[in-house]
Amino acid sequence: MKIRVIKSHDLQIFRNVCLRTAQSDMKKIKFYFDKEDYHLVTNVEAAEYFGVSLEDFEAIIHKQFKK
């Protein structure tokens, strides 16, 4: 699976929450990995944070896009 940068919108789709909650999750992920606000978050880091495999993380996001 390819490593890519994710945005709050990806987390919104993954968790099925509003954008503001997804933005809060993004801040929590950055804090967890000791990143500054301007650093980017990858799909690998998000999958690790939520405790799912990278393949499952990407599958959930892409499944939602196909609807």
C-alpha atoms as a PDB file:
ATOM      1  CA  MET A   1       0.000   0.000   0.000  1.00  0.00           C
ATOM      2  CA  LYS A   2       1.271   3.451  -0.876  1.00  0.00           C
ATOM      3  CA  ILE A   3       2.125   5.976   1.827  1.00  0.00           C
ATOM      4  CA  ARG A   4       0.287   9.263   1.356  1.00  0.00           C
ATOM      5  CA  VAL A   5      -0.545  12.433   3.230  1.00  0.00           C
ATOM      6  CA  ILE A   6      -4.029  12.541   4.682  1.00  0.00           C
ATOM      7  CA  LYS A   7      -6.275  15.487   5.420  1.00  0.00           C
ATOM      8  CA  SER A   8      -9.017  16.016   7.971  1.00  0.00           C
ATOM      9  CA  HIS A   9     -11.546  15.109   5.297  1.00  0.00           C
ATOM     10  CA  ASP A  10     -10.050  11.595   5.106  1.00  0.00           C
ATOM     11  CA  LEU A  11     -10.500  11.197   8.859  1.00  0.00           C
ATOM     12  CA  GLN A  12     -14.042  12.511   8.528  1.00  0.00           C
ATOM     13  CA  ILE A  13     -14.824   9.737   6.058  1.00  0.00           C
ATOM     14  CA  PHE A  14     -12.972   7.077   8.047  1.00  0.00           C
ATOM     15  CA  ARG A  15     -14.748   7.823  11.319  1.00  0.00           C
ATOM     16  CA  ASN A  16     -18.049   9.100   9.876  1.00  0.00           C
ATOM     17  CA  VAL A  17     -17.943  12.274  11.983  1.00  0.00           C
ATOM     18  CA  CYS A  18     -18.320  15.992  11.330  1.00  0.00           C
ATOM     19  CA  LEU A  19     -15.364  17.989  10.009  1.00  0.00           C
ATOM     20  CA  ARG A  20     -14.675  19.721  13.335  1.00  0.00           C
ATOM     21  CA  THR A  21     -14.335  16.355  15.097  1.00  0.00           C
ATOM     22  CA  ALA A  22     -12.018  15.145  12.339  1.00  0.00           C
ATOM     23  CA  GLN A  23      -9.882  18.272  12.779  1.00  0.00           C
ATOM     24  CA  SER A  24      -9.689  17.541  16.494  1.00  0.00           C
ATOM     25  CA  ASP A  25      -8.635  13.967  15.717  1.00  0.00           C
ATOM     26  CA  MET A  26      -5.913  15.318  13.436  1.00  0.00           C
ATOM     27  CA  LYS A  27      -4.549  17.411  16.300  1.00  0.00           C
ATOM     28  CA  LYS A  28      -4.596  14.368  18.578  1.00  0.00           C
ATOM     29  CA  ILE A  29      -2.665  12.321  16.008  1.00  0.00           C
ATOM     30  CA  LYS A  30      -0.057  15.082  15.679  1.00  0.00           C
ATOM     31  CA  PHE A  31       0.272  15.245  19.473  1.00  0.00           C
ATOM     32  CA  TYR A  32       0.569  11.440  19.697  1.00  0.00           C
ATOM     33  CA  PHE A  33       3.434  11.431  17.191  1.00  0.00           C
ATOM     34  CA  ASP A  34       5.012  14.586  18.686  1.00  0.00           C
ATOM     35  CA  LYS A  35       4.535  16.677  15.548  1.00  0.00           C
ATOM     36  CA  GLU A  36       4.213  20.422  15.173  1.00  0.00           C
ATOM     37  CA  ASP A  37       1.002  21.947  13.792  1.00  0.00           C
ATOM     38  CA  TYR A  38       2.566  22.488  10.371  1.00  0.00           C
ATOM     39  CA  HIS A  39       3.754  18.873   9.991  1.00  0.00           C
ATOM     40  CA  LEU A  40       1.801  16.513   7.765  1.00  0.00           C
ATOM     41  CA  VAL A  41       0.190  13.233   8.829  1.00  0.00           C
ATOM     42  CA  THR A  42       0.467  10.089   6.722  1.00  0.00           C
ATOM     43  CA  ASN A  43      -2.027   7.302   6.290  1.00  0.00           C
ATOM     44  CA  VAL A  44       0.415   4.951   8.047  1.00  0.00           C
ATOM     45  CA  GLU A  45       0.423   7.148  11.164  1.00  0.00           C
ATOM     46  CA  ALA A  46      -3.364   7.501  11.180  1.00  0.00           C
ATOM     47  CA  ALA A  47      -3.846   3.753  10.810  1.00  0.00           C
ATOM     48  CA  GLU A  48      -1.420   3.108  13.661  1.00  0.00           C
ATOM     49  CA  TYR A  49      -3.157   5.710  15.855  1.00  0.00           C
ATOM     50  CA  PHE A  50      -6.579   4.130  15.309  1.00  0.00           C
ATOM     51  CA  GLY A  51      -5.217   0.600  15.659  1.00  0.00           C
ATOM     52  CA  VAL A  52      -6.182  -0.670  12.215  1.00  0.00           C
ATOM     53  CA  SER A  53      -4.105  -2.000   9.364  1.00  0.00           C
ATOM     54  CA  LEU A  54      -3.129   0.355   6.567  1.00  0.00           C
ATOM     55  CA  GLU A  55      -5.096  -1.746   4.090  1.00  0.00           C
ATOM     56  CA  ASP A  56      -8.272  -1.488   6.199  1.00  0.00           C
ATOM     57  CA  PHE A  57      -7.812   2.259   6.665  1.00  0.00           C
ATOM     58  CA  GLU A  58      -7.474   2.858   2.927  1.00  0.00           C
ATOM     59  CA  ALA A  59     -10.283   0.435   2.073  1.00  0.00           C
ATOM     60  CA  ILE A  60     -12.741   2.289   4.304  1.00  0.00           C
ATOM     61  CA  ILE A  61     -11.824   5.657   2.798  1.00  0.00           C
ATOM     62  CA  HIS A  62     -11.972   4.432  -0.803  1.00  0.00           C
ATOM     63  CA  LYS A  63     -15.202   2.509  -0.224  1.00  0.00           C
ATOM     64  CA  GLN A  64     -16.849   5.768   0.849  1.00  0.00           C
ATOM     65  CA  PHE A  65     -15.590   7.630  -2.238  1.00  0.00           C
ATOM     66  CA  LYS A  66     -17.200   5.101  -4.595  1.00  0.00           C
ATOM     67  CA  LYS A  67     -20.746   5.784  -3.337  1.00  0.00           C
END
